PDB file of N, CA and C in Angstrom:
ATOM      1  N   MET A   1      23.111  -2.598  -1.160  1.00  0.00           N
ATOM      2  CA  MET A   1      21.938  -1.781  -0.753  1.00  0.00           C
ATOM      3  C   MET A   1      21.104  -1.529  -1.974  1.00  0.00           C
ATOM      4  N   ASN A   2      19.812  -1.753  -1.867  1.00  0.00           N
ATOM      5  CA  ASN A   2      18.894  -1.503  -2.938  1.00  0.00           C
ATOM      6  C   ASN A   2      18.475  -0.056  -3.105  1.00  0.00           C
ATOM      7  N   PRO A   3      18.352   0.426  -4.300  1.00  0.00           N
ATOM      8  CA  PRO A   3      17.865   1.822  -4.480  1.00  0.00           C
ATOM      9  C   PRO A   3      16.470   1.980  -4.004  1.00  0.00           C
ATOM     10  N   PRO A   4      16.061   3.176  -3.522  1.00  0.00           N
ATOM     11  CA  PRO A   4      14.647   3.366  -3.083  1.00  0.00           C
ATOM     12  C   PRO A   4      13.703   3.135  -4.229  1.00  0.00           C
ATOM     13  N   ALA A   5      12.543   2.635  -3.921  1.00  0.00           N
ATOM     14  CA  ALA A   5      11.489   2.421  -4.916  1.00  0.00           C
ATOM     15  C   ALA A   5      10.983   3.751  -5.409  1.00  0.00           C
ATOM     16  N   ALA A   6      10.610   3.780  -6.659  1.00  0.00           N
ATOM     17  CA  ALA A   6      10.033   5.056  -7.229  1.00  0.00           C
ATOM     18  C   ALA A   6       8.655   5.291  -6.591  1.00  0.00           C
ATOM     19  N   ARG A   7       8.414   6.541  -6.344  1.00  0.00           N
ATOM     20  CA  ARG A   7       7.080   6.949  -5.786  1.00  0.00           C
ATOM     21  C   ARG A   7       6.439   7.891  -6.805  1.00  0.00           C
ATOM     22  N   VAL A   8       5.108   7.803  -6.834  1.00  0.00           N
ATOM     23  CA  VAL A   8       4.396   8.576  -7.882  1.00  0.00           C
ATOM     24  C   VAL A   8       3.305   9.419  -7.191  1.00  0.00           C
ATOM     25  N   LEU A   9       3.296  10.724  -7.509  1.00  0.00           N
ATOM     26  CA  LEU A   9       2.250  11.604  -7.002  1.00  0.00           C
ATOM     27  C   LEU A   9       1.205  11.708  -8.099  1.00  0.00           C
ATOM     28  N   LEU A  10       0.020  11.219  -7.810  1.00  0.00           N
ATOM     29  CA  LEU A  10      -1.018  11.149  -8.840  1.00  0.00           C
ATOM     30  C   LEU A  10      -1.886  12.415  -8.762  1.00  0.00           C
ATOM     31  N   ASP A  11      -2.219  12.928  -9.965  1.00  0.00           N
ATOM     32  CA  ASP A  11      -3.040  14.120 -10.152  1.00  0.00           C
ATOM     33  C   ASP A  11      -4.523  13.714 -10.258  1.00  0.00           C
ATOM     34  N   ILE A  12      -5.409  14.636 -10.078  1.00  0.00           N
ATOM     35  CA  ILE A  12      -6.857  14.413 -10.154  1.00  0.00           C
ATOM     36  C   ILE A  12      -7.222  13.904 -11.550  1.00  0.00           C
ATOM     37  N   ASN A  13      -6.565  14.335 -12.604  1.00  0.00           N
ATOM     38  CA  ASN A  13      -6.881  13.890 -13.943  1.00  0.00           C
ATOM     39  C   ASN A  13      -6.630  12.375 -14.102  1.00  0.00           C
ATOM     40  N   VAL A  14      -5.577  11.902 -13.487  1.00  0.00           N
ATOM     41  CA  VAL A  14      -5.244  10.453 -13.534  1.00  0.00           C
ATOM     42  C   VAL A  14      -6.173   9.693 -12.629  1.00  0.00           C
ATOM     43  N   ILE A  15      -6.426  10.182 -11.425  1.00  0.00           N
ATOM     44  CA  ILE A  15      -7.257   9.466 -10.444  1.00  0.00           C
ATOM     45  C   ILE A  15      -8.716   9.348 -11.030  1.00  0.00           C
ATOM     46  N   SER A  16      -9.209  10.367 -11.636  1.00  0.00           N
ATOM     47  CA  SER A  16     -10.620  10.342 -12.130  1.00  0.00           C
ATOM     48  C   SER A  16     -10.801   9.650 -13.451  1.00  0.00           C
ATOM     49  N   GLU A  17      -9.740   9.338 -14.149  1.00  0.00           N
ATOM     50  CA  GLU A  17      -9.821   8.728 -15.517  1.00  0.00           C
ATOM     51  C   GLU A  17     -10.688   7.471 -15.500  1.00  0.00           C
ATOM     52  N   PRO A  18     -10.587   6.541 -14.544  1.00  0.00           N
ATOM     53  CA  PRO A  18     -11.392   5.348 -14.597  1.00  0.00           C
ATOM     54  C   PRO A  18     -12.908   5.589 -14.530  1.00  0.00           C
ATOM     55  N   THR A  19     -13.335   6.767 -14.067  1.00  0.00           N
ATOM     56  CA  THR A  19     -14.766   7.067 -13.936  1.00  0.00           C
ATOM     57  C   THR A  19     -15.308   7.683 -15.191  1.00  0.00           C
ATOM     58  N   ARG A  20     -14.510   7.950 -16.148  1.00  0.00           N
ATOM     59  CA  ARG A  20     -14.980   8.597 -17.400  1.00  0.00           C
ATOM     60  C   ARG A  20     -15.782   7.564 -18.200  1.00  0.00           C
ATOM     61  N   SER A  21     -16.645   8.061 -19.093  1.00  0.00           N
ATOM     62  CA  SER A  21     -17.400   7.129 -19.906  1.00  0.00           C
ATOM     63  C   SER A  21     -16.572   6.378 -20.885  1.00  0.00           C
ATOM     64  N   ARG A  22     -15.469   6.997 -21.329  1.00  0.00           N
ATOM     65  CA  ARG A  22     -14.502   6.270 -22.224  1.00  0.00           C
ATOM     66  C   ARG A  22     -13.095   6.533 -21.753  1.00  0.00           C
ATOM     67  N   PRO A  23     -12.694   5.794 -20.656  1.00  0.00           N
ATOM     68  CA  PRO A  23     -11.354   6.092 -20.107  1.00  0.00           C
ATOM     69  C   PRO A  23     -10.239   5.631 -21.090  1.00  0.00           C
ATOM     70  N   SER A  24      -9.177   6.297 -21.003  1.00  0.00           N
ATOM     71  CA  SER A  24      -8.015   6.045 -21.809  1.00  0.00           C
ATOM     72  C   SER A  24      -7.416   4.665 -21.451  1.00  0.00           C
ATOM     73  N   PRO A  25      -7.291   3.725 -22.387  1.00  0.00           N
ATOM     74  CA  PRO A  25      -6.665   2.451 -22.032  1.00  0.00           C
ATOM     75  C   PRO A  25      -5.237   2.586 -21.589  1.00  0.00           C
ATOM     76  N   ALA A  26      -4.498   3.654 -22.062  1.00  0.00           N
ATOM     77  CA  ALA A  26      -3.136   3.822 -21.614  1.00  0.00           C
ATOM     78  C   ALA A  26      -3.070   4.238 -20.133  1.00  0.00           C
ATOM     79  N   VAL A  27      -3.992   5.148 -19.717  1.00  0.00           N
ATOM     80  CA  VAL A  27      -4.057   5.534 -18.330  1.00  0.00           C
ATOM     81  C   VAL A  27      -4.468   4.388 -17.412  1.00  0.00           C
ATOM     82  N   LEU A  28      -5.434   3.616 -17.843  1.00  0.00           N
ATOM     83  CA  LEU A  28      -5.880   2.477 -17.044  1.00  0.00           C
ATOM     84  C   LEU A  28      -4.739   1.459 -16.878  1.00  0.00           C
ATOM     85  N   ALA A  29      -3.991   1.210 -17.917  1.00  0.00           N
ATOM     86  CA  ALA A  29      -2.848   0.326 -17.889  1.00  0.00           C
ATOM     87  C   ALA A  29      -1.772   0.866 -16.922  1.00  0.00           C
ATOM     88  N   TYR A  30      -1.537   2.154 -17.032  1.00  0.00           N
ATOM     89  CA  TYR A  30      -0.558   2.803 -16.182  1.00  0.00           C
ATOM     90  C   TYR A  30      -0.934   2.660 -14.670  1.00  0.00           C
ATOM     91  N   LEU A  31      -2.243   2.926 -14.346  1.00  0.00           N
ATOM     92  CA  LEU A  31      -2.692   2.828 -12.986  1.00  0.00           C
ATOM     93  C   LEU A  31      -2.595   1.382 -12.525  1.00  0.00           C
ATOM     94  N   ALA A  32      -2.915   0.425 -13.331  1.00  0.00           N
ATOM     95  CA  ALA A  32      -2.847  -0.994 -12.989  1.00  0.00           C
ATOM     96  C   ALA A  32      -1.389  -1.451 -12.719  1.00  0.00           C
ATOM     97  N   SER A  33      -0.448  -0.768 -13.376  1.00  0.00           N
ATOM     98  CA  SER A  33       0.926  -1.178 -13.239  1.00  0.00           C
ATOM     99  C   SER A  33       1.588  -0.628 -11.995  1.00  0.00           C
ATOM    100  N   LEU A  34       0.992   0.357 -11.331  1.00  0.00           N
ATOM    101  CA  LEU A  34       1.592   0.992 -10.163  1.00  0.00           C
ATOM    102  C   LEU A  34       1.386   0.177  -8.902  1.00  0.00           C
ATOM    103  N   PRO A  35       2.412  -0.062  -8.144  1.00  0.00           N
ATOM    104  CA  PRO A  35       2.269  -0.696  -6.807  1.00  0.00           C
ATOM    105  C   PRO A  35       1.462   0.269  -5.921  1.00  0.00           C
ATOM    106  N   ALA A  36       0.540  -0.287  -5.162  1.00  0.00           N
ATOM    107  CA  ALA A  36      -0.251   0.500  -4.292  1.00  0.00           C
ATOM    108  C   ALA A  36       0.561   1.319  -3.305  1.00  0.00           C
ATOM    109  N   ASP A  37       1.684   0.733  -2.816  1.00  0.00           N
ATOM    110  CA  ASP A  37       2.493   1.418  -1.848  1.00  0.00           C
ATOM    111  C   ASP A  37       3.401   2.483  -2.441  1.00  0.00           C
ATOM    112  N   ALA A  38       3.366   2.671  -3.724  1.00  0.00           N
ATOM    113  CA  ALA A  38       4.164   3.688  -4.401  1.00  0.00           C
ATOM    114  C   ALA A  38       3.350   4.810  -4.911  1.00  0.00           C
ATOM    115  N   SER A  39       2.037   4.784  -4.757  1.00  0.00           N
ATOM    116  CA  SER A  39       1.140   5.823  -5.282  1.00  0.00           C
ATOM    117  C   SER A  39       0.669   6.746  -4.152  1.00  0.00           C
ATOM    118  N   TYR A  40       0.735   8.030  -4.440  1.00  0.00           N
ATOM    119  CA  TYR A  40       0.379   9.037  -3.413  1.00  0.00           C
ATOM    120  C   TYR A  40      -0.504  10.104  -4.035  1.00  0.00           C
ATOM    121  N   LEU A  41      -1.309  10.739  -3.140  1.00  0.00           N
ATOM    122  CA  LEU A  41      -2.174  11.852  -3.496  1.00  0.00           C
ATOM    123  C   LEU A  41      -1.804  13.064  -2.646  1.00  0.00           C
ATOM    124  N   SER A  42      -1.809  14.199  -3.221  1.00  0.00           N
ATOM    125  CA  SER A  42      -1.548  15.432  -2.503  1.00  0.00           C
ATOM    126  C   SER A  42      -2.802  15.871  -1.747  1.00  0.00           C
ATOM    127  N   LEU A  43      -2.656  16.784  -0.777  1.00  0.00           N
ATOM    128  CA  LEU A  43      -3.818  17.314  -0.142  1.00  0.00           C
ATOM    129  C   LEU A  43      -4.703  18.098  -1.079  1.00  0.00           C
ATOM    130  N   ILE A  44      -4.063  18.728  -2.047  1.00  0.00           N
ATOM    131  CA  ILE A  44      -4.847  19.448  -3.103  1.00  0.00           C
ATOM    132  C   ILE A  44      -5.741  18.470  -3.828  1.00  0.00           C
ATOM    133  N   THR A  45      -5.205  17.375  -4.265  1.00  0.00           N
ATOM    134  CA  THR A  45      -5.962  16.359  -4.971  1.00  0.00           C
ATOM    135  C   THR A  45      -7.119  15.828  -4.124  1.00  0.00           C
ATOM    136  N   LEU A  46      -6.814  15.554  -2.881  1.00  0.00           N
ATOM    137  CA  LEU A  46      -7.893  15.067  -1.937  1.00  0.00           C
ATOM    138  C   LEU A  46      -8.948  16.136  -1.777  1.00  0.00           C
ATOM    139  N   GLY A  47      -8.614  17.393  -1.743  1.00  0.00           N
ATOM    140  CA  GLY A  47      -9.586  18.462  -1.701  1.00  0.00           C
ATOM    141  C   GLY A  47     -10.429  18.562  -2.940  1.00  0.00           C
ATOM    142  N   GLU A  48      -9.802  18.311  -4.096  1.00  0.00           N
ATOM    143  CA  GLU A  48     -10.555  18.352  -5.329  1.00  0.00           C
ATOM    144  C   GLU A  48     -11.552  17.193  -5.364  1.00  0.00           C
ATOM    145  N   ILE A  49     -11.154  16.046  -4.891  1.00  0.00           N
ATOM    146  CA  ILE A  49     -12.086  14.876  -4.834  1.00  0.00           C
ATOM    147  C   ILE A  49     -13.221  15.155  -3.906  1.00  0.00           C
ATOM    148  N   GLU A  50     -12.934  15.734  -2.719  1.00  0.00           N
ATOM    149  CA  GLU A  50     -13.985  16.093  -1.755  1.00  0.00           C
ATOM    150  C   GLU A  50     -14.948  17.104  -2.331  1.00  0.00           C
ATOM    151  N   THR A  51     -14.449  18.119  -3.013  1.00  0.00           N
ATOM    152  CA  THR A  51     -15.287  19.139  -3.635  1.00  0.00           C
ATOM    153  C   THR A  51     -16.199  18.549  -4.694  1.00  0.00           C
ATOM    154  N   GLY A  52     -15.620  17.641  -5.518  1.00  0.00           N
ATOM    155  CA  GLY A  52     -16.418  16.942  -6.480  1.00  0.00           C
ATOM    156  C   GLY A  52     -17.547  16.111  -5.924  1.00  0.00           C
ATOM    157  N   ILE A  53     -17.300  15.482  -4.808  1.00  0.00           N
ATOM    158  CA  ILE A  53     -18.317  14.664  -4.111  1.00  0.00           C
ATOM    159  C   ILE A  53     -19.361  15.585  -3.595  1.00  0.00           C
ATOM    160  N   VAL A  54     -19.047  16.660  -2.951  1.00  0.00           N
ATOM    161  CA  VAL A  54     -19.994  17.561  -2.378  1.00  0.00           C
ATOM    162  C   VAL A  54     -20.884  18.229  -3.442  1.00  0.00           C
ATOM    163  N   LEU A  55     -20.261  18.538  -4.604  1.00  0.00           N
ATOM    164  CA  LEU A  55     -21.007  19.220  -5.668  1.00  0.00           C
ATOM    165  C   LEU A  55     -21.790  18.259  -6.589  1.00  0.00           C
ATOM    166  N   ALA A  56     -21.520  16.992  -6.495  1.00  0.00           N
ATOM    167  CA  ALA A  56     -22.215  16.001  -7.326  1.00  0.00           C
ATOM    168  C   ALA A  56     -23.717  15.950  -7.008  1.00  0.00           C
ATOM    169  N   LYS A  57     -24.436  15.811  -8.054  1.00  0.00           N
ATOM    170  CA  LYS A  57     -25.898  15.674  -7.857  1.00  0.00           C
ATOM    171  C   LYS A  57     -26.184  14.232  -7.392  1.00  0.00           C
ATOM    172  N   ASP A  58     -27.233  14.100  -6.577  1.00  0.00           N
ATOM    173  CA  ASP A  58     -27.640  12.761  -6.172  1.00  0.00           C
ATOM    174  C   ASP A  58     -28.162  12.013  -7.347  1.00  0.00           C
ATOM    175  N   PRO A  59     -27.860  10.700  -7.444  1.00  0.00           N
ATOM    176  CA  PRO A  59     -28.352   9.953  -8.607  1.00  0.00           C
ATOM    177  C   PRO A  59     -29.832   9.747  -8.630  1.00  0.00           C
TER     178      PRO A  59
END
């Protein structure tokens, strides 16, 4: 029997890192290394993303 795959709960700081003007190469590498089916967001993080979108100025 195989052990269960590791799952990762990502925080808003990690999720938003790629959008920064100078993103951390370490964080970008970490995100790239994660399997998509092992990465999760909490409802709080989803709410923070939604709030950021609503409050963002139009370009």
